[in-house]
Amino acid sequence: MFALGVIIAIGSAIAFAILGALTLWGGWITLSRELPIHFVSAGVSSGTRIGTLVMVGAPLLVTGVFGLLAGWRILMVAFGLG
């Protein structure tokens, strides 16, 4: 049973880490490629641009980092390190 729990924990750690990394990667693509296109076509002010970057970027950053940290913590527990 212990080995089965370790295997399940390793699988969930990998899943969390992959989802965290994909969130950060997708957020980077969105912030660097997609938003500037819409900013230029809409002609928005700098305050709106900064607000949009913060309101989109902050949740993406927090979600991605927490996903990576959760994967790391689960992996530590699986190997009995924490």
C-alpha atoms as a PDB file:
ATOM      1  CA  MET A   1       0.000   0.000   0.000  1.00  0.00           C
ATOM      2  CA  PHE A   2       2.859   2.348   0.755  1.00  0.00           C
ATOM      3  CA  ALA A   3       4.333   1.824  -2.713  1.00  0.00           C
ATOM      4  CA  LEU A   4       0.956   2.454  -4.323  1.00  0.00           C
ATOM      5  CA  GLY A   5       0.629   5.710  -2.371  1.00  0.00           C
ATOM      6  CA  VAL A   6       4.101   6.796  -3.476  1.00  0.00           C
ATOM      7  CA  ILE A   7       3.287   6.052  -7.126  1.00  0.00           C
ATOM      8  CA  ILE A   8       0.035   8.009  -6.906  1.00  0.00           C
ATOM      9  CA  ALA A   9       1.812  10.923  -5.181  1.00  0.00           C
ATOM     10  CA  ILE A  10       4.535  11.014  -7.842  1.00  0.00           C
ATOM     11  CA  GLY A  11       1.888  11.035 -10.573  1.00  0.00           C
ATOM     12  CA  SER A  12      -0.012  13.880  -8.941  1.00  0.00           C
ATOM     13  CA  ALA A  13       3.225  15.832  -8.398  1.00  0.00           C
ATOM     14  CA  ILE A  14       4.032  15.511 -12.088  1.00  0.00           C
ATOM     15  CA  ALA A  15       0.501  16.584 -13.014  1.00  0.00           C
ATOM     16  CA  PHE A  16       0.648  19.662 -10.769  1.00  0.00           C
ATOM     17  CA  ALA A  17       4.073  20.627 -12.082  1.00  0.00           C
ATOM     18  CA  ILE A  18       2.995  20.238 -15.709  1.00  0.00           C
ATOM     19  CA  LEU A  19      -0.148  22.308 -15.169  1.00  0.00           C
ATOM     20  CA  GLY A  20       1.827  25.013 -13.349  1.00  0.00           C
ATOM     21  CA  ALA A  21       4.426  25.159 -16.112  1.00  0.00           C
ATOM     22  CA  LEU A  22       1.764  25.243 -18.837  1.00  0.00           C
ATOM     23  CA  THR A  23      -0.031  28.061 -17.019  1.00  0.00           C
ATOM     24  CA  LEU A  24       3.154  30.120 -16.861  1.00  0.00           C
ATOM     25  CA  TRP A  25       4.014  29.379 -20.489  1.00  0.00           C
ATOM     26  CA  GLY A  26       0.506  30.210 -21.725  1.00  0.00           C
ATOM     27  CA  GLY A  27       0.463  33.371 -19.652  1.00  0.00           C
ATOM     28  CA  TRP A  28       3.789  34.459 -21.127  1.00  0.00           C
ATOM     29  CA  ILE A  29       2.487  33.849 -24.656  1.00  0.00           C
ATOM     30  CA  THR A  30      -0.688  35.786 -23.903  1.00  0.00           C
ATOM     31  CA  LEU A  31       1.106  38.740 -22.345  1.00  0.00           C
ATOM     32  CA  SER A  32       3.830  38.956 -24.971  1.00  0.00           C
ATOM     33  CA  ARG A  33       1.911  38.232 -28.174  1.00  0.00           C
ATOM     34  CA  GLU A  34      -1.859  38.478 -27.809  1.00  0.00           C
ATOM     35  CA  LEU A  35      -2.450  41.493 -25.582  1.00  0.00           C
ATOM     36  CA  PRO A  36      -0.158  43.918 -27.446  1.00  0.00           C
ATOM     37  CA  ILE A  37      -2.042  43.194 -30.683  1.00  0.00           C
ATOM     38  CA  HIS A  38      -5.351  44.121 -29.068  1.00  0.00           C
ATOM     39  CA  PHE A  39      -3.858  47.156 -27.366  1.00  0.00           C
ATOM     40  CA  VAL A  40      -2.721  48.565 -30.707  1.00  0.00           C
ATOM     41  CA  SER A  41      -5.979  47.817 -32.521  1.00  0.00           C
ATOM     42  CA  ALA A  42      -8.143  49.264 -29.728  1.00  0.00           C
ATOM     43  CA  GLY A  43      -5.972  52.329 -29.043  1.00  0.00           C
ATOM     44  CA  VAL A  44      -6.300  52.129 -25.255  1.00  0.00           C
ATOM     45  CA  SER A  45      -4.619  54.434 -22.737  1.00  0.00           C
ATOM     46  CA  SER A  46      -1.507  53.512 -20.767  1.00  0.00           C
ATOM     47  CA  GLY A  47      -3.483  53.194 -17.524  1.00  0.00           C
ATOM     48  CA  THR A  48      -5.771  50.657 -19.108  1.00  0.00           C
ATOM     49  CA  ARG A  49      -2.777  48.765 -20.478  1.00  0.00           C
ATOM     50  CA  ILE A  50      -1.100  48.589 -17.078  1.00  0.00           C
ATOM     51  CA  GLY A  51      -4.348  47.580 -15.381  1.00  0.00           C
ATOM     52  CA  THR A  52      -4.953  44.847 -17.911  1.00  0.00           C
ATOM     53  CA  LEU A  53      -1.409  43.513 -17.585  1.00  0.00           C
ATOM     54  CA  VAL A  54      -1.716  43.399 -13.788  1.00  0.00           C
ATOM     55  CA  MET A  55      -5.202  41.882 -13.796  1.00  0.00           C
ATOM     56  CA  VAL A  56      -4.179  39.198 -16.295  1.00  0.00           C
ATOM     57  CA  GLY A  57      -0.570  38.659 -15.250  1.00  0.00           C
ATOM     58  CA  ALA A  58      -0.925  38.472 -11.462  1.00  0.00           C
ATOM     59  CA  PRO A  59      -3.439  35.585 -11.348  1.00  0.00           C
ATOM     60  CA  LEU A  60      -1.477  33.702 -14.008  1.00  0.00           C
ATOM     61  CA  LEU A  61       1.760  34.130 -12.077  1.00  0.00           C
ATOM     62  CA  VAL A  62       0.212  33.109  -8.756  1.00  0.00           C
ATOM     63  CA  THR A  63      -1.530  30.077 -10.251  1.00  0.00           C
ATOM     64  CA  GLY A  64       1.556  28.883 -12.101  1.00  0.00           C
ATOM     65  CA  VAL A  65       3.909  29.299  -9.142  1.00  0.00           C
ATOM     66  CA  PHE A  66       1.488  27.590  -6.752  1.00  0.00           C
ATOM     67  CA  GLY A  67       1.149  24.690  -9.207  1.00  0.00           C
ATOM     68  CA  LEU A  68       4.920  24.252  -9.350  1.00  0.00           C
ATOM     69  CA  LEU A  69       5.257  24.566  -5.574  1.00  0.00           C
ATOM     70  CA  ALA A  70       2.451  22.060  -4.980  1.00  0.00           C
ATOM     71  CA  GLY A  71       4.116  19.576  -7.320  1.00  0.00           C
ATOM     72  CA  TRP A  72       7.432  20.025  -5.519  1.00  0.00           C
ATOM     73  CA  ARG A  73       5.819  19.633  -2.077  1.00  0.00           C
ATOM     74  CA  ILE A  74       3.901  16.505  -3.079  1.00  0.00           C
ATOM     75  CA  LEU A  75       7.110  15.024  -4.471  1.00  0.00           C
ATOM     76  CA  MET A  76       8.898  15.760  -1.192  1.00  0.00           C
ATOM     77  CA  VAL A  77       6.137  14.042   0.784  1.00  0.00           C
ATOM     78  CA  ALA A  78       6.193  11.056  -1.587  1.00  0.00           C
ATOM     79  CA  PHE A  79       9.902  10.524  -0.888  1.00  0.00           C
ATOM     80  CA  GLY A  80       9.555  11.182   2.856  1.00  0.00           C
ATOM     81  CA  LEU A  81      11.522  14.430   2.828  1.00  0.00           C
ATOM     82  CA  GLY A  82       8.881  16.692   4.309  1.00  0.00           C
END
